[in-house]
Protein backbone atom coordinates (compact mmCIF):
# COMPACT_ATOMS: atom_id res chain seq x y z
CA MET A 1 -9.19 -7.25 -8.99
CA ALA A 2 -8.65 -3.68 -10.17
CA VAL A 3 -11.44 -2.06 -12.20
CA THR A 4 -10.45 0.42 -14.91
CA ARG A 5 -12.64 3.43 -15.58
CA THR A 6 -12.27 6.83 -17.23
CA LEU A 7 -12.69 10.36 -15.98
CA VAL A 8 -13.42 13.03 -18.59
CA ARG A 9 -11.77 16.37 -17.84
CA ASP A 10 -12.36 18.98 -20.55
CA ASP A 11 -10.28 17.71 -23.50
CA ALA A 12 -8.52 15.03 -21.42
CA VAL A 13 -9.74 11.51 -20.73
CA LEU A 14 -7.98 10.07 -17.68
CA SER A 15 -7.45 6.36 -17.12
CA VAL A 16 -8.28 5.40 -13.52
CA ARG A 17 -7.84 2.08 -11.71
CA ASP A 18 -9.85 1.29 -8.59
CA TRP A 19 -8.32 -1.65 -6.74
CA GLY A 20 -11.41 -2.02 -4.52
CA GLY A 21 -11.38 -3.15 -0.91
CA ASP A 22 -13.03 -2.01 2.30
CA GLY A 23 -10.18 0.09 3.65
CA THR A 24 -9.95 3.86 3.67
CA PRO A 25 -9.03 5.27 0.25
CA MET A 26 -5.47 6.05 -0.78
CA VAL A 27 -4.76 7.75 -4.12
CA LEU A 28 -1.30 7.19 -5.62
CA ILE A 29 -0.04 9.83 -8.07
CA HIS A 30 2.91 9.15 -10.38
CA GLY A 31 5.53 11.65 -11.51
CA LEU A 32 6.51 13.33 -14.75
CA ARG A 33 6.92 10.81 -17.61
CA GLY A 34 5.69 8.06 -15.32
CA ASN A 35 2.42 6.16 -15.28
CA GLN A 36 0.14 4.47 -12.78
CA ARG A 37 1.62 1.01 -13.38
CA GLU A 38 4.73 2.15 -11.53
CA TRP A 39 2.68 1.71 -8.36
CA ASP A 40 1.78 -1.93 -9.01
CA ALA A 41 4.33 -3.53 -6.68
CA ALA A 42 3.74 -1.15 -3.77
CA GLY A 43 0.01 -1.09 -4.48
CA VAL A 44 -0.33 -4.86 -4.05
CA LYS A 45 1.04 -4.54 -0.53
CA LEU A 46 -1.02 -1.47 0.33
CA ALA A 47 -4.24 -2.97 -1.07
CA ARG A 48 -4.26 -5.54 1.74
CA GLN A 49 -5.26 -2.70 4.06
CA PHE A 50 -6.51 0.20 1.93
CA ARG A 51 -8.69 0.92 -1.06
CA ILE A 52 -6.07 1.90 -3.64
CA ILE A 53 -6.83 4.22 -6.54
CA THR A 54 -4.29 5.09 -9.23
CA PHE A 55 -4.60 7.12 -12.41
CA ASP A 56 -2.53 8.28 -15.34
CA GLN A 57 -2.09 12.03 -15.34
CA ARG A 58 -3.11 13.83 -18.52
CA GLY A 59 -0.63 13.15 -21.30
CA HIS A 60 0.74 10.07 -19.53
CA GLY A 61 0.20 6.33 -19.75
CA ALA A 62 -3.26 5.35 -20.99
CA SER A 63 -4.72 8.83 -20.50
CA SER A 64 -5.25 11.02 -23.54
CA ARG A 65 -3.25 13.96 -24.76
CA SER A 66 -4.46 17.41 -23.78
CA GLY A 67 -4.11 20.98 -24.89
CA ASP A 68 -3.81 22.09 -21.27
CA HIS A 69 -0.76 20.90 -19.35
CA SER A 70 -0.85 23.68 -16.78
CA TRP A 71 -0.13 22.98 -13.15
CA LYS A 72 -3.64 24.08 -12.22
CA ALA A 73 -5.13 21.50 -14.59
CA ARG A 74 -3.16 18.70 -12.89
CA VAL A 75 -4.26 19.69 -9.40
CA ASP A 76 -7.83 20.19 -10.62
CA ASP A 77 -7.76 16.67 -12.14
CA LEU A 78 -6.89 15.11 -8.80
CA VAL A 79 -9.50 17.11 -6.90
CA ALA A 80 -12.12 16.20 -9.52
CA LEU A 81 -11.23 12.51 -9.24
CA ILE A 82 -11.69 12.64 -5.46
CA LEU A 83 -15.06 14.34 -5.79
CA GLU A 84 -16.27 12.13 -8.67
CA MET A 85 -15.40 8.93 -6.80
CA GLU A 86 -16.78 10.34 -3.50
CA LEU A 87 -13.58 9.55 -1.63
CA HIS A 88 -13.67 10.59 2.02
CA ASP A 89 -10.89 10.52 4.62
CA VAL A 90 -8.50 10.03 1.74
CA THR A 91 -4.73 9.76 1.91
CA LEU A 92 -2.86 11.32 -1.01
CA VAL A 93 0.52 9.90 -2.02
CA GLY A 94 2.60 11.47 -4.78
CA HIS A 95 5.97 10.67 -6.29
CA SER A 96 8.26 13.37 -7.72
CA LEU A 97 6.06 15.86 -9.62
CA GLY A 98 3.06 13.92 -8.30
CA ALA A 99 4.10 14.89 -4.78
CA GLY A 100 3.53 18.54 -5.60
CA VAL A 101 0.12 17.73 -7.10
CA ALA A 102 -0.81 15.79 -3.96
CA LEU A 103 0.38 18.59 -1.67
CA GLU A 104 -1.71 21.27 -3.31
CA ALA A 105 -4.78 19.04 -3.64
CA ALA A 106 -4.54 18.11 0.05
CA ASN A 107 -5.03 21.75 0.97
CA ARG A 108 -8.07 22.05 -1.30
CA ILE A 109 -10.19 19.18 -0.01
CA ASP A 110 -12.03 19.11 3.31
CA ASP A 111 -11.15 15.69 4.67
CA CYS A 112 -7.62 14.73 3.72
CA ARG A 113 -6.60 12.06 6.21
CA GLY A 114 -2.91 11.96 5.34
CA LEU A 115 -0.34 13.16 2.83
CA ALA A 116 2.88 11.52 1.64
CA MET A 117 5.39 13.14 -0.71
CA ILE A 118 7.93 10.74 -2.15
CA ASP A 119 11.13 12.47 -3.26
CA GLY A 120 9.32 15.53 -4.55
CA ALA A 121 7.78 18.89 -3.60
CA LEU A 122 10.65 19.62 -1.22
CA PRO A 123 11.21 23.40 -1.11
CA VAL A 124 14.87 23.45 -2.08
CA GLU A 125 16.77 26.71 -2.05
CA LEU A 126 20.41 27.53 -2.53
CA PRO A 127 22.28 28.76 0.57
CA ASP A 128 22.47 32.30 -0.83
CA GLY A 129 18.71 32.42 -1.30
CA LYS A 130 18.74 32.43 -5.08
CA ALA A 131 16.06 30.66 -7.05
CA PRO A 132 16.66 26.89 -6.89
CA GLY A 133 17.26 26.41 -10.62
CA ARG A 134 20.23 24.04 -10.54
CA PRO A 135 19.12 21.86 -7.57
CA VAL A 136 15.65 21.53 -9.05
CA ARG A 137 17.17 20.66 -12.42
CA ASN A 138 19.07 17.89 -10.70
CA LEU A 139 15.91 16.65 -9.00
CA VAL A 140 13.67 16.64 -12.07
CA VAL A 141 16.16 15.79 -14.79
CA THR A 142 19.44 14.34 -13.56
CA ALA A 143 17.82 12.02 -11.03
CA ARG A 144 15.49 10.62 -13.70
CA ARG A 145 17.73 10.69 -16.76
CA SER A 146 18.00 6.94 -17.07
CA LEU A 147 14.20 6.60 -16.87
CA LEU A 148 13.55 9.33 -19.43
CA ARG A 149 15.70 7.74 -22.12
CA GLY A 150 13.15 4.97 -22.48
CA ALA A 151 10.00 6.87 -21.53
CA LEU A 152 10.42 9.67 -24.05
CA ARG A 153 9.99 7.18 -26.89
CA ASN A 154 6.64 5.85 -25.70
CA ALA A 155 4.72 8.41 -23.60
CA PRO A 156 1.96 10.55 -25.18
CA LEU A 157 3.75 13.80 -24.29
CA SER A 158 5.97 15.47 -26.84
CA PHE A 159 9.42 16.57 -25.71
CA ALA A 160 8.33 20.22 -25.93
CA GLU A 161 5.35 19.49 -23.68
CA PHE A 162 7.63 17.66 -21.27
CA LEU A 163 9.90 20.72 -21.04
CA ARG A 164 6.95 23.03 -20.35
CA ILE A 165 5.64 20.78 -17.57
CA ARG A 166 9.12 20.42 -16.09
CA ASP A 167 9.63 24.18 -16.04
CA ASP A 168 6.19 24.68 -14.51
CA TYR A 169 7.12 22.21 -11.77
CA ARG A 170 10.34 24.10 -11.07
CA GLY A 171 8.42 27.32 -10.75
CA ARG A 172 6.18 25.90 -8.05
CA PHE A 173 8.88 25.39 -5.44
CA SER A 174 8.32 28.70 -3.63
CA GLU A 175 4.58 27.93 -3.56
CA PHE A 176 5.31 24.48 -2.10
CA ASP A 177 6.89 26.20 0.89
CA GLU A 178 3.69 28.17 1.47
CA GLU A 179 1.51 25.11 0.90
CA LEU A 180 3.46 23.15 3.50
CA HIS A 181 2.68 25.73 6.15
CA ARG A 182 -1.03 25.17 5.45
CA VAL A 183 -1.01 21.38 5.77
CA ALA A 184 -3.23 20.35 8.68
CA CYS A 185 -3.17 16.56 8.31
CA PRO A 186 -0.33 14.13 9.14
CA ALA A 187 2.23 14.50 6.34
CA LEU A 188 5.34 12.54 5.49
CA TYR A 189 8.26 13.16 3.18
CA ILE A 190 9.83 9.91 2.01
CA LEU A 191 13.22 10.91 0.64
CA ALA A 192 16.00 9.04 -1.12
CA SER A 193 19.24 8.95 0.85
CA ARG A 194 21.49 7.64 -1.93
CA VAL A 195 23.46 10.36 -3.69
CA GLU A 196 22.50 10.69 -7.34
CA HIS A 197 25.11 10.21 -10.04
CA GLY A 198 27.03 13.19 -11.36
CA PRO A 199 29.39 15.83 -10.00
CA THR A 200 26.62 17.89 -8.35
CA GLY A 201 25.05 14.91 -6.56
CA PRO A 202 26.74 15.26 -3.13
CA ALA A 203 26.18 19.02 -2.93
CA PHE A 204 22.55 18.69 -3.93
CA GLN A 205 21.95 15.96 -1.36
CA ALA A 206 23.34 18.25 1.35
CA VAL A 207 20.90 20.98 0.27
CA ARG A 208 18.04 18.48 0.42
CA GLU A 209 18.97 17.43 3.93
CA GLN A 210 18.95 21.06 5.06
CA ALA A 211 15.57 21.65 3.41
CA ALA A 212 14.11 18.53 5.05
CA ALA A 213 15.16 19.76 8.49
CA LEU A 214 13.53 23.14 7.85
CA VAL A 215 10.15 21.76 6.79
CA VAL A 216 9.93 19.70 9.98
CA GLN A 217 10.59 22.82 12.02
CA ALA A 218 8.05 24.84 10.04
CA ASN A 219 5.06 22.51 10.50
CA PRO A 220 4.61 20.00 13.36
CA HIS A 221 2.36 17.86 11.15
CA VAL A 222 5.26 17.06 8.81
CA ARG A 223 7.75 14.23 9.31
CA VAL A 224 10.65 13.03 7.18
CA GLN A 225 11.79 9.48 6.53
CA TRP A 226 14.88 8.65 4.50
CA ILE A 227 15.06 5.41 2.50
CA ASP A 228 18.30 3.88 1.26
CA ALA A 229 17.34 4.26 -2.40
CA ARG A 230 17.41 6.69 -5.28
CA HIS A 231 14.70 8.81 -6.83
CA ASN A 232 12.84 5.96 -8.56
CA MET A 233 12.27 4.14 -5.26
CA ILE A 234 8.61 3.32 -5.95
CA ARG A 235 9.88 0.89 -8.58
CA THR A 236 13.11 -0.29 -6.95
CA HIS A 237 12.04 -0.36 -3.27
CA PRO A 238 8.25 -0.88 -3.21
CA ARG A 239 8.30 -2.86 0.04
CA GLN A 240 10.05 -0.08 1.96
CA VAL A 241 7.82 2.57 0.44
CA ALA A 242 4.67 0.62 1.32
CA ALA A 243 5.88 0.06 4.88
CA ALA A 244 6.45 3.79 5.35
CA LEU A 245 2.99 4.59 4.01
CA MET A 246 1.36 2.11 6.35
CA LEU A 247 3.04 3.81 9.32
CA LEU A 248 1.72 7.19 8.17
CA HIS A 249 -1.79 5.82 8.02
CA ALA A 250 -1.42 4.05 11.36
CA ASP A 251 -0.53 7.38 12.96
CA THR A 252 -3.55 9.12 11.47
CA PRO A 253 -6.49 9.49 13.85
């Protein structure tokens, strides 16, 4: 049975769930406007083998509001959680924005056993090399539009705070490319193969496929797996997501 605890981080109080178990730890990080309960279905399957820890990022779910929604604060929160709970040989799994948080935290801790980035933190650039404003907008906004309609009414974040966090996430994409080159543990991108709705969907998917091929070439530790799903796959396809994560862990020495 999961035990709920809190982690105090400056002006933020984070809600954390420790599912227990004797397996190696695996921390699951949700995306923008999400919450830790999105991992429940996949977590049940993963908890048969691993010690699962989830938490609500600041300004999300049962965690408190905060005056600091910077990217650094989010990465610092995850690193602090790992240190506070004395998690060793940990696997970090992030969805969407949470994938970027997991990526940067993985490079800051000493014993990251594995890293999985689910439909996020993919360094996407336009063919002409311009800043990836429109593709990233599709990834963060268009792909999640149906989820946001309901979430915006209930989450602790204001819409203005949401926009600031979203823009901060967009601005990290060049840094994600650099962070990927530093990854020294087995890493896996789990990407959605279904084209998102809207006129720019097919073109954006083609850009994603090109970017996925490049990251594999850039770092031998990184693999890519495509799942026949859309961006919110942790809710719609938890069995497939859990199966992919188990294979990542099985391949980790």
